[in-house]
Amino acid sequence: MNPLTTVLSLPVSDPQKTTDFYRDGLGLDTEGVEDGIVAFELPNLSIFFIEATEYGKYLQQSGQNIGQYPAPGASIISCAFATPGEIDEVLTKAVAAGGSADPAEDVDDSYMGYFADPDGYVWELVANEHTARAAAAE
């Protein structure tokens, strides 16, 4: 499999609230909500947050049971960072924007932090020697 791009689609209760959290709170770029969808472009990944009813329509097109949306927290979106300071900054912004987070900590030679957005989607933020080397190579 060699896709041109990868898109992660997740149902949300309020696309405008999601927009406010990720755009205004975390500084991600978006063109805003259109047809119940707000899209964010990250390196090598597009995330489409789709209003739950609209998401159900896509799920129905796929032939899946529309009553079984993925539950928030059922997966973890992981991101690598160059430094622990970047992780602390994102966690602070996430809480200020209405999300939840505990302080990051050192775990198995990595600095790791987690936050949840207002819909409960969990993000894992990681910095270690591998991510620092990758950032330095860019």
C-alpha atoms as a PDB file:
ATOM      1  CA  MET A   1       0.000   0.000   0.000  1.00  0.00           C
ATOM      2  CA  ASN A   2       1.394   3.370  -1.004  1.00  0.00           C
ATOM      3  CA  PRO A   3      -1.216   6.099  -0.416  1.00  0.00           C
ATOM      4  CA  LEU A   4      -0.637   9.661  -1.569  1.00  0.00           C
ATOM      5  CA  THR A   5      -1.891  10.984   1.751  1.00  0.00           C
ATOM      6  CA  THR A   6      -3.487   9.710   4.935  1.00  0.00           C
ATOM      7  CA  VAL A   7      -6.655  11.119   6.480  1.00  0.00           C
ATOM      8  CA  LEU A   8      -7.951  10.307   9.951  1.00  0.00           C
ATOM      9  CA  SER A   9     -11.686  11.019  10.344  1.00  0.00           C
ATOM     10  CA  LEU A  10     -13.210  11.326  13.801  1.00  0.00           C
ATOM     11  CA  PRO A  11     -16.771  12.148  14.902  1.00  0.00           C
ATOM     12  CA  VAL A  12     -17.294  15.216  17.108  1.00  0.00           C
ATOM     13  CA  SER A  13     -20.293  16.730  18.820  1.00  0.00           C
ATOM     14  CA  ASP A  14     -19.573  20.354  17.862  1.00  0.00           C
ATOM     15  CA  PRO A  15     -17.230  21.116  14.922  1.00  0.00           C
ATOM     16  CA  GLN A  16     -17.017  24.806  15.868  1.00  0.00           C
ATOM     17  CA  LYS A  17     -15.911  23.924  19.409  1.00  0.00           C
ATOM     18  CA  THR A  18     -13.344  21.565  17.886  1.00  0.00           C
ATOM     19  CA  THR A  19     -12.179  24.368  15.579  1.00  0.00           C
ATOM     20  CA  ASP A  20     -11.813  26.727  18.518  1.00  0.00           C
ATOM     21  CA  PHE A  21      -9.808  24.154  20.487  1.00  0.00           C
ATOM     22  CA  TYR A  22      -7.346  23.187  17.754  1.00  0.00           C
ATOM     23  CA  ARG A  23      -7.087  26.484  15.845  1.00  0.00           C
ATOM     24  CA  ASP A  24      -7.368  29.067  18.589  1.00  0.00           C
ATOM     25  CA  GLY A  25      -6.044  26.947  21.452  1.00  0.00           C
ATOM     26  CA  LEU A  26      -3.275  24.934  19.823  1.00  0.00           C
ATOM     27  CA  GLY A  27      -2.515  27.122  16.804  1.00  0.00           C
ATOM     28  CA  LEU A  28      -3.296  24.621  14.036  1.00  0.00           C
ATOM     29  CA  ASP A  29      -4.322  26.025  10.653  1.00  0.00           C
ATOM     30  CA  THR A  30      -7.743  25.363   9.168  1.00  0.00           C
ATOM     31  CA  GLU A  31     -10.134  26.934   6.730  1.00  0.00           C
ATOM     32  CA  GLY A  32     -12.898  26.422   9.294  1.00  0.00           C
ATOM     33  CA  VAL A  33     -16.042  24.338   9.355  1.00  0.00           C
ATOM     34  CA  GLU A  34     -17.566  23.401   6.020  1.00  0.00           C
ATOM     35  CA  ASP A  35     -20.473  20.968   5.660  1.00  0.00           C
ATOM     36  CA  GLY A  36     -19.998  19.826   9.261  1.00  0.00           C
ATOM     37  CA  ILE A  37     -16.299  19.063   8.752  1.00  0.00           C
ATOM     38  CA  VAL A  38     -13.208  20.854  10.019  1.00  0.00           C
ATOM     39  CA  ALA A  39      -9.862  19.727   8.595  1.00  0.00           C
ATOM     40  CA  PHE A  40      -6.374  20.167  10.000  1.00  0.00           C
ATOM     41  CA  GLU A  41      -3.206  19.388   8.072  1.00  0.00           C
ATOM     42  CA  LEU A  42      -0.316  17.958  10.072  1.00  0.00           C
ATOM     43  CA  PRO A  43       2.950  16.603   8.708  1.00  0.00           C
ATOM     44  CA  ASN A  44       2.027  13.438   6.800  1.00  0.00           C
ATOM     45  CA  LEU A  45      -1.525  13.392   8.163  1.00  0.00           C
ATOM     46  CA  SER A  46      -4.818  15.169   7.625  1.00  0.00           C
ATOM     47  CA  ILE A  47      -7.374  15.024  10.431  1.00  0.00           C
ATOM     48  CA  PHE A  48     -11.030  15.560   9.587  1.00  0.00           C
ATOM     49  CA  PHE A  49     -13.262  16.143  12.593  1.00  0.00           C
ATOM     50  CA  ILE A  50     -16.790  15.460  11.359  1.00  0.00           C
ATOM     51  CA  GLU A  51     -20.062  16.338  13.088  1.00  0.00           C
ATOM     52  CA  ALA A  52     -21.413  13.041  14.434  1.00  0.00           C
ATOM     53  CA  THR A  53     -24.529  12.856  12.228  1.00  0.00           C
ATOM     54  CA  GLU A  54     -22.476  13.624   9.123  1.00  0.00           C
ATOM     55  CA  TYR A  55     -19.855  11.085  10.260  1.00  0.00           C
ATOM     56  CA  GLY A  56     -22.652   8.507  10.469  1.00  0.00           C
ATOM     57  CA  LYS A  57     -23.434   9.129   6.784  1.00  0.00           C
ATOM     58  CA  TYR A  58     -19.836   8.319   5.841  1.00  0.00           C
ATOM     59  CA  LEU A  59     -19.893   5.264   8.055  1.00  0.00           C
ATOM     60  CA  GLN A  60     -23.113   4.111   6.378  1.00  0.00           C
ATOM     61  CA  GLN A  61     -21.507   4.523   2.919  1.00  0.00           C
ATOM     62  CA  SER A  62     -18.751   2.175   4.068  1.00  0.00           C
ATOM     63  CA  GLY A  63     -21.315  -0.496   4.896  1.00  0.00           C
ATOM     64  CA  GLN A  64     -20.596  -0.314   8.623  1.00  0.00           C
ATOM     65  CA  ASN A  65     -23.195  -0.217  11.377  1.00  0.00           C
ATOM     66  CA  ILE A  66     -23.993   3.478  11.870  1.00  0.00           C
ATOM     67  CA  GLY A  67     -24.764   2.934  15.552  1.00  0.00           C
ATOM     68  CA  GLN A  68     -21.182   1.979  16.345  1.00  0.00           C
ATOM     69  CA  TYR A  69     -19.084   5.145  16.149  1.00  0.00           C
ATOM     70  CA  PRO A  70     -15.559   4.834  17.476  1.00  0.00           C
ATOM     71  CA  ALA A  71     -15.511   5.843  21.121  1.00  0.00           C
ATOM     72  CA  PRO A  72     -13.278   8.764  22.097  1.00  0.00           C
ATOM     73  CA  GLY A  73     -10.176   7.376  23.743  1.00  0.00           C
ATOM     74  CA  ALA A  74     -10.437   4.119  21.777  1.00  0.00           C
ATOM     75  CA  SER A  75      -7.260   5.147  19.972  1.00  0.00           C
ATOM     76  CA  ILE A  76      -4.312   7.407  20.739  1.00  0.00           C
ATOM     77  CA  ILE A  77      -2.916   9.974  18.310  1.00  0.00           C
ATOM     78  CA  SER A  78       0.851  10.095  18.895  1.00  0.00           C
ATOM     79  CA  CYS A  79       3.178  12.948  17.954  1.00  0.00           C
ATOM     80  CA  ALA A  80       6.949  13.222  18.245  1.00  0.00           C
ATOM     81  CA  PHE A  81       8.631  16.434  19.411  1.00  0.00           C
ATOM     82  CA  ALA A  82      12.241  17.596  19.519  1.00  0.00           C
ATOM     83  CA  THR A  83      12.243  18.805  23.133  1.00  0.00           C
ATOM     84  CA  PRO A  84      10.391  18.317  26.417  1.00  0.00           C
ATOM     85  CA  GLY A  85       9.697  22.054  26.484  1.00  0.00           C
ATOM     86  CA  GLU A  86       7.583  21.773  23.336  1.00  0.00           C
ATOM     87  CA  ILE A  87       5.484  19.093  25.023  1.00  0.00           C
ATOM     88  CA  ASP A  88       4.963  21.199  28.137  1.00  0.00           C
ATOM     89  CA  GLU A  89       3.896  24.124  25.933  1.00  0.00           C
ATOM     90  CA  VAL A  90       1.309  22.032  24.052  1.00  0.00           C
ATOM     91  CA  LEU A  91      -0.090  20.587  27.292  1.00  0.00           C
ATOM     92  CA  THR A  92      -0.466  24.071  28.765  1.00  0.00           C
ATOM     93  CA  LYS A  93      -2.228  25.303  25.621  1.00  0.00           C
ATOM     94  CA  ALA A  94      -4.514  22.250  25.535  1.00  0.00           C
ATOM     95  CA  VAL A  95      -5.707  22.833  29.102  1.00  0.00           C
ATOM     96  CA  ALA A  96      -6.154  26.581  28.524  1.00  0.00           C
ATOM     97  CA  ALA A  97      -8.259  25.797  25.429  1.00  0.00           C
ATOM     98  CA  GLY A  98     -10.643  23.499  27.308  1.00  0.00           C
ATOM     99  CA  GLY A  99      -8.917  20.141  27.119  1.00  0.00           C
ATOM    100  CA  SER A 100      -7.510  18.082  29.976  1.00  0.00           C
ATOM    101  CA  ALA A 101      -3.969  16.968  30.723  1.00  0.00           C
ATOM    102  CA  ASP A 102      -1.725  15.763  33.503  1.00  0.00           C
ATOM    103  CA  PRO A 103       1.878  16.971  33.747  1.00  0.00           C
ATOM    104  CA  ALA A 104       4.302  15.195  31.422  1.00  0.00           C
ATOM    105  CA  GLU A 105       6.861  12.844  32.916  1.00  0.00           C
ATOM    106  CA  ASP A 106       9.926  10.788  32.099  1.00  0.00           C
ATOM    107  CA  VAL A 107       9.014   7.247  31.030  1.00  0.00           C
ATOM    108  CA  ASP A 108      11.535   4.711  29.692  1.00  0.00           C
ATOM    109  CA  ASP A 109      14.069   7.274  28.353  1.00  0.00           C
ATOM    110  CA  SER A 110      11.318   9.434  26.857  1.00  0.00           C
ATOM    111  CA  TYR A 111       9.551  12.552  28.021  1.00  0.00           C
ATOM    112  CA  MET A 112       5.841  11.885  27.562  1.00  0.00           C
ATOM    113  CA  GLY A 113       2.650  13.816  28.050  1.00  0.00           C
ATOM    114  CA  TYR A 114      -0.989  13.190  27.252  1.00  0.00           C
ATOM    115  CA  PHE A 115      -3.934  15.473  26.688  1.00  0.00           C
ATOM    116  CA  ALA A 116      -7.558  14.938  25.736  1.00  0.00           C
ATOM    117  CA  ASP A 117      -9.536  17.346  23.567  1.00  0.00           C
ATOM    118  CA  PRO A 118     -13.112  18.400  24.457  1.00  0.00           C
ATOM    119  CA  ASP A 119     -14.526  15.286  22.721  1.00  0.00           C
ATOM    120  CA  GLY A 120     -12.167  13.010  24.662  1.00  0.00           C
ATOM    121  CA  TYR A 121      -9.706  12.179  21.892  1.00  0.00           C
ATOM    122  CA  VAL A 122      -6.345  11.364  23.460  1.00  0.00           C
ATOM    123  CA  TRP A 123      -3.040  12.722  22.159  1.00  0.00           C
ATOM    124  CA  GLU A 124       0.322  11.285  23.220  1.00  0.00           C
ATOM    125  CA  LEU A 125       3.301  13.646  22.960  1.00  0.00           C
ATOM    126  CA  VAL A 126       6.802  12.137  23.013  1.00  0.00           C
ATOM    127  CA  ALA A 127      10.331  13.557  23.037  1.00  0.00           C
ATOM    128  CA  ASN A 128      13.438  11.405  23.324  1.00  0.00           C
ATOM    129  CA  GLU A 129      16.896  11.055  21.779  1.00  0.00           C
ATOM    130  CA  HIS A 130      15.425   9.611  18.571  1.00  0.00           C
ATOM    131  CA  THR A 131      12.980  12.473  18.041  1.00  0.00           C
ATOM    132  CA  ALA A 132      15.695  15.024  18.884  1.00  0.00           C
ATOM    133  CA  ARG A 133      18.041  13.464  16.285  1.00  0.00           C
ATOM    134  CA  ALA A 134      15.288  13.449  13.672  1.00  0.00           C
ATOM    135  CA  ALA A 135      14.553  17.137  14.354  1.00  0.00           C
ATOM    136  CA  ALA A 136      18.255  18.028  14.113  1.00  0.00           C
ATOM    137  CA  ALA A 137      18.548  16.217  10.767  1.00  0.00           C
ATOM    138  CA  GLU A 138      15.852  18.385   9.164  1.00  0.00           C
END
